[in-house]
Amino acid sequence: MSLEPDHAELQAVEPQRKTALVTGTGRLAGIGAGIARQLAADGWDLVLTYWQEYDARMPWGIQPDDVEQLTAELEAIGARVLALPADFQDPQAVDRLMAGIAEQTGTLHGLVLSHAESVDSGVLDTTLESFERHFAVNTRASWQLIAAFARQAADDGGAIVALTSDHTAFNLPYGASKGALDRIVIASARELGPLGITANVLNPGPVDTGWMDGELREELSRRQPGGRLGTPADVAGTVAFLLSPAGRWVSGQLIKADGGFSA
């Protein structure tokens, strides 16, 4: 008599794959893409969001094939991937996104907020339009995503990680909207904890994803104790830990995983 389990028994003991939503994954060089790679390697299925109209306004411009290339890369690792455009300036975007996710992938167990509106301006030169756009994308939409994530959570809850920044002077609307996001996420840790949901804010320090010129890159590298800037892979490792079972005792924290930049 064979002692080897049959195929049906092997399938029965395989752990069920969980799905995470990662926002801001429109560029292969971005932090969001780095996080998606690590989560896929850890066995997560993924929903990715992107918005190329934002990239079109930034110095790096649209990389038209990046989403398709990232999707193929993650699928080659073994992840099931759903990539959807999402304009988070639109108040209805989150509802449409979550409806699509519910129909196509089911319950989410992880939420990573790595999208951002970030256009430098200060107290005197920030326009009302820019201020409101930053808060719509970085703050309001993030709150909507957190609330929607909590409403669809299963009995075993889930984990939320939002990326933040220390920027303040001369990057006023970005820094202010991220500061508000910090408070929302920390409040979520208390309010959503009874649902089995953890929530943390992660500040990765300066990570060069294409927005630095040579002079700034050199200056910031000198200020790093280790002599190098952070990479998307550095950020991804911390995010993956916070979403993992081993990291679920950490909640309600604003974590600086920045290579000592803020020390």
Protein backbone atom coordinates (compact mmCIF):
# COMPACT_ATOMS: atom_id res chain seq x y z
CA MET A 1 0.00 0.00 0.00
CA SER A 2 1.35 3.43 -0.94
CA LEU A 3 2.04 5.81 1.93
CA GLU A 4 2.10 8.86 -0.37
CA PRO A 5 -0.96 11.15 -0.16
CA ASP A 6 -2.96 11.47 -3.34
CA HIS A 7 -3.23 14.73 -5.28
CA ALA A 8 -6.55 15.68 -3.71
CA GLU A 9 -5.09 15.35 -0.21
CA LEU A 10 -2.11 17.52 -1.18
CA GLN A 11 -4.46 20.22 -2.43
CA ALA A 12 -6.45 20.03 0.79
CA VAL A 13 -3.43 20.86 2.96
CA GLU A 14 -2.07 23.66 0.80
CA PRO A 15 -2.39 27.01 2.60
CA GLN A 16 -4.94 29.35 1.09
CA ARG A 17 -3.33 32.26 -0.72
CA LYS A 18 -4.27 35.72 0.49
CA THR A 19 -4.66 38.86 -1.58
CA ALA A 20 -3.21 42.32 -0.97
CA LEU A 21 -4.10 45.60 -2.64
CA VAL A 22 -1.02 47.71 -3.39
CA THR A 23 -1.64 51.23 -4.70
CA GLY A 24 0.80 53.33 -6.72
CA THR A 25 2.40 50.62 -8.85
CA GLY A 26 2.57 52.36 -12.21
CA ARG A 27 6.36 52.31 -12.60
CA LEU A 28 8.83 49.45 -12.46
CA ALA A 29 11.27 51.70 -10.58
CA GLY A 30 8.73 52.72 -7.94
CA ILE A 31 8.37 51.72 -4.32
CA GLY A 32 4.98 50.18 -5.01
CA ALA A 33 6.46 47.84 -7.61
CA GLY A 34 9.20 46.81 -5.19
CA ILE A 35 6.61 46.01 -2.53
CA ALA A 36 4.55 44.00 -5.02
CA ARG A 37 7.61 41.92 -5.95
CA GLN A 38 8.34 41.05 -2.33
CA LEU A 39 4.74 40.18 -1.53
CA ALA A 40 4.48 37.98 -4.62
CA ALA A 41 7.65 36.18 -3.54
CA ASP A 42 6.08 35.67 -0.11
CA GLY A 43 3.02 33.98 -1.61
CA TRP A 44 0.51 36.82 -1.88
CA ASP A 45 -1.85 37.36 -4.78
CA LEU A 46 -2.09 41.02 -5.73
CA VAL A 47 -4.38 43.80 -6.87
CA LEU A 48 -2.37 46.73 -8.22
CA THR A 49 -3.52 50.27 -8.95
CA TYR A 50 -1.87 52.92 -11.09
CA TRP A 51 -2.72 56.27 -12.67
CA GLN A 52 -0.62 57.25 -15.67
CA GLU A 53 -2.03 60.77 -15.92
CA TYR A 54 -0.10 61.57 -12.74
CA ASP A 55 3.11 60.17 -14.21
CA ALA A 56 2.55 62.35 -17.28
CA ARG A 57 2.81 65.45 -15.06
CA MET A 58 6.02 64.28 -13.38
CA PRO A 59 9.64 64.53 -14.64
CA TRP A 60 9.87 60.80 -15.39
CA GLY A 61 6.78 60.77 -17.63
CA ILE A 62 4.61 57.81 -18.59
CA GLN A 63 6.29 54.44 -18.94
CA PRO A 64 3.56 52.82 -21.07
CA ASP A 65 4.65 49.20 -20.71
CA ASP A 66 5.61 49.18 -17.03
CA VAL A 67 2.30 47.92 -15.66
CA GLU A 68 2.20 45.05 -18.16
CA GLN A 69 5.83 44.17 -17.48
CA LEU A 70 5.32 44.22 -13.71
CA THR A 71 2.20 42.07 -14.01
CA ALA A 72 4.06 39.51 -16.11
CA GLU A 73 6.98 39.51 -13.67
CA LEU A 74 4.69 38.87 -10.69
CA GLU A 75 2.74 36.18 -12.49
CA ALA A 76 6.01 34.43 -13.33
CA ILE A 77 6.70 34.26 -9.58
CA GLY A 78 3.36 32.54 -9.11
CA ALA A 79 1.04 35.38 -8.07
CA ARG A 80 -2.38 36.00 -9.49
CA VAL A 81 -2.47 39.68 -10.44
CA LEU A 82 -5.24 42.16 -11.20
CA ALA A 83 -4.04 45.61 -12.33
CA LEU A 84 -6.57 48.44 -12.42
CA PRO A 85 -6.30 52.18 -13.16
CA ALA A 86 -7.58 54.39 -10.35
CA ASP A 87 -7.84 58.17 -10.26
CA PHE A 88 -8.00 58.78 -6.53
CA GLN A 89 -8.80 62.46 -7.04
CA ASP A 90 -12.27 61.24 -8.03
CA PRO A 91 -14.42 60.73 -4.90
CA GLN A 92 -16.11 57.71 -6.52
CA ALA A 93 -12.88 55.95 -7.54
CA VAL A 94 -12.54 53.86 -4.38
CA ASP A 95 -16.11 52.55 -4.59
CA ARG A 96 -15.60 51.50 -8.21
CA LEU A 97 -12.25 49.91 -7.39
CA MET A 98 -13.54 47.91 -4.46
CA ALA A 99 -16.57 46.72 -6.42
CA GLY A 100 -14.25 45.40 -9.13
CA ILE A 101 -12.04 43.69 -6.56
CA ALA A 102 -15.00 42.04 -4.84
CA GLU A 103 -16.23 40.69 -8.16
CA GLN A 104 -12.89 39.47 -9.49
CA THR A 105 -10.72 38.48 -6.54
CA GLY A 106 -12.79 38.33 -3.36
CA THR A 107 -11.65 39.33 0.12
CA LEU A 108 -8.51 41.36 0.71
CA HIS A 109 -6.24 40.60 3.67
CA GLY A 110 -3.59 43.26 3.03
CA LEU A 111 -3.70 46.95 2.08
CA VAL A 112 -0.56 48.90 1.17
CA LEU A 113 -1.00 52.60 0.44
CA SER A 114 1.98 53.62 -1.68
CA HIS A 115 0.26 56.02 -4.08
CA ALA A 116 0.88 59.74 -3.80
CA GLU A 117 0.35 63.15 -5.30
CA SER A 118 3.64 65.00 -4.78
CA VAL A 119 4.34 68.35 -6.44
CA ASP A 120 6.75 70.68 -4.63
CA SER A 121 5.45 74.07 -3.47
CA GLY A 122 5.57 76.16 -0.32
CA VAL A 123 3.35 78.33 1.83
CA LEU A 124 3.32 81.25 -0.60
CA ASP A 125 3.17 79.51 -3.97
CA THR A 126 0.85 76.55 -3.38
CA THR A 127 -2.35 76.93 -5.38
CA LEU A 128 -5.75 76.03 -4.00
CA GLU A 129 -6.15 73.45 -6.76
CA SER A 130 -2.86 71.76 -5.87
CA PHE A 131 -3.62 71.80 -2.14
CA GLU A 132 -7.01 70.19 -2.64
CA ARG A 133 -5.65 67.62 -5.10
CA HIS A 134 -2.96 66.52 -2.61
CA PHE A 135 -5.50 66.06 0.16
CA ALA A 136 -7.95 64.28 -2.14
CA VAL A 137 -5.37 61.74 -3.29
CA ASN A 138 -3.11 61.33 -0.26
CA THR A 139 -5.62 61.76 2.55
CA ARG A 140 -9.25 61.41 1.56
CA ALA A 141 -8.75 58.47 -0.80
CA SER A 142 -6.52 56.72 1.72
CA TRP A 143 -9.21 57.05 4.39
CA GLN A 144 -11.79 55.73 1.91
CA LEU A 145 -9.55 52.75 1.09
CA ILE A 146 -8.95 51.95 4.75
CA ALA A 147 -12.66 52.10 5.55
CA ALA A 148 -13.59 49.99 2.52
CA PHE A 149 -10.88 47.46 3.39
CA ALA A 150 -12.23 47.14 6.93
CA ARG A 151 -15.83 46.70 5.76
CA GLN A 152 -14.93 43.75 3.55
CA ALA A 153 -12.50 42.09 5.96
CA ALA A 154 -12.94 38.45 6.86
CA ASP A 155 -13.09 37.13 10.41
CA ASP A 156 -9.29 36.89 10.54
CA GLY A 157 -8.92 40.59 9.74
CA GLY A 158 -5.92 41.91 7.86
CA ALA A 159 -3.05 44.39 7.85
CA ILE A 160 -2.71 47.97 6.61
CA VAL A 161 0.56 49.76 5.87
CA ALA A 162 0.67 53.34 4.57
CA LEU A 163 3.81 55.08 3.35
CA THR A 164 4.47 58.55 4.72
CA SER A 165 7.13 61.27 4.68
CA ASP A 166 8.81 63.93 6.83
CA HIS A 167 8.58 66.57 4.08
CA THR A 168 7.26 69.91 5.31
CA ALA A 169 8.91 73.14 4.13
CA PHE A 170 8.71 73.82 0.39
CA ASN A 171 6.65 70.65 -0.05
CA LEU A 172 3.68 71.93 1.91
CA PRO A 173 0.64 70.19 0.40
CA TYR A 174 2.39 66.84 0.19
CA GLY A 175 3.77 67.00 3.74
CA ALA A 176 0.54 68.28 5.23
CA SER A 177 -1.57 65.64 3.51
CA LYS A 178 0.81 62.89 4.63
CA GLY A 179 0.70 64.22 8.20
CA ALA A 180 -3.08 63.91 8.15
CA LEU A 181 -2.72 60.39 6.74
CA ASP A 182 -0.49 59.45 9.69
CA ARG A 183 -3.26 60.34 12.15
CA ILE A 184 -5.89 58.43 10.17
CA VAL A 185 -3.79 55.26 10.12
CA ILE A 186 -2.96 55.44 13.83
CA ALA A 187 -6.65 56.00 14.62
CA SER A 188 -7.44 52.97 12.46
CA ALA A 189 -5.20 50.77 14.59
CA ARG A 190 -7.40 51.55 17.61
CA GLU A 191 -10.77 51.56 15.90
CA LEU A 192 -10.23 48.52 13.66
CA GLY A 193 -8.21 46.43 16.10
CA PRO A 194 -11.33 44.61 17.36
CA LEU A 195 -11.84 43.43 13.75
CA GLY A 196 -8.41 41.81 13.76
CA ILE A 197 -6.92 44.59 11.61
CA THR A 198 -3.50 46.09 12.28
CA ALA A 199 -2.47 49.47 10.87
CA ASN A 200 0.94 51.13 10.69
CA VAL A 201 2.59 54.07 8.97
CA LEU A 202 6.03 53.58 7.43
CA ASN A 203 8.49 56.37 6.69
CA PRO A 204 11.23 54.98 4.40
CA GLY A 205 13.31 58.15 4.15
CA PRO A 206 14.73 59.20 0.77
CA VAL A 207 14.39 56.49 -1.86
CA ASP A 208 15.55 57.33 -5.37
CA THR A 209 12.88 56.16 -7.78
CA GLY A 210 13.74 58.66 -10.50
CA TRP A 211 12.80 61.97 -8.87
CA MET A 212 16.31 62.98 -7.74
CA ASP A 213 18.88 64.81 -9.82
CA GLY A 214 22.58 63.98 -9.45
CA GLU A 215 23.31 66.78 -6.98
CA LEU A 216 20.44 65.83 -4.66
CA ARG A 217 21.29 62.14 -4.89
CA GLU A 218 24.87 62.85 -3.83
CA GLU A 219 23.83 65.15 -0.99
CA LEU A 220 21.32 62.72 0.47
CA SER A 221 23.73 59.80 0.13
CA ARG A 222 26.27 61.73 2.22
CA ARG A 223 23.66 62.21 4.94
CA GLN A 224 22.93 58.47 5.17
CA PRO A 225 24.96 56.73 7.89
CA GLY A 226 25.50 53.77 5.59
CA GLY A 227 26.51 55.96 2.68
CA ARG A 228 23.76 54.84 0.32
CA LEU A 229 20.14 55.68 -0.39
CA GLY A 230 17.31 53.32 0.28
CA THR A 231 15.85 51.18 -2.48
CA PRO A 232 12.31 49.91 -3.12
CA ALA A 233 13.53 46.47 -2.00
CA ASP A 234 14.59 47.93 1.36
CA VAL A 235 11.11 49.34 1.89
CA ALA A 236 9.45 46.15 0.69
CA GLY A 237 11.11 44.01 3.33
CA THR A 238 9.62 46.05 6.16
CA VAL A 239 6.18 46.17 4.55
CA ALA A 240 6.21 42.41 4.00
CA PHE A 241 7.07 41.85 7.66
CA LEU A 242 4.20 44.05 8.84
CA LEU A 243 1.77 42.11 6.64
CA SER A 244 3.12 38.74 7.75
CA PRO A 245 1.88 36.74 10.76
CA ALA A 246 5.19 37.53 12.49
CA GLY A 247 4.54 41.28 12.21
CA ARG A 248 0.93 41.39 13.28
CA TRP A 249 1.69 42.30 16.92
CA VAL A 250 2.97 45.64 15.63
CA SER A 251 0.12 48.12 15.24
CA GLY A 252 -0.56 51.83 15.65
CA GLN A 253 3.04 52.77 15.01
CA LEU A 254 4.78 55.37 12.86
CA ILE A 255 7.89 53.43 11.91
CA LYS A 256 11.03 54.96 10.47
CA ALA A 257 12.84 52.32 8.44
CA ASP A 258 15.18 54.74 6.72
CA GLY A 259 18.69 53.37 7.14
CA GLY A 260 19.34 55.80 9.99
CA PHE A 261 18.63 58.92 7.93
CA SER A 262 16.49 60.46 10.66
CA ALA A 263 18.86 59.55 13.53
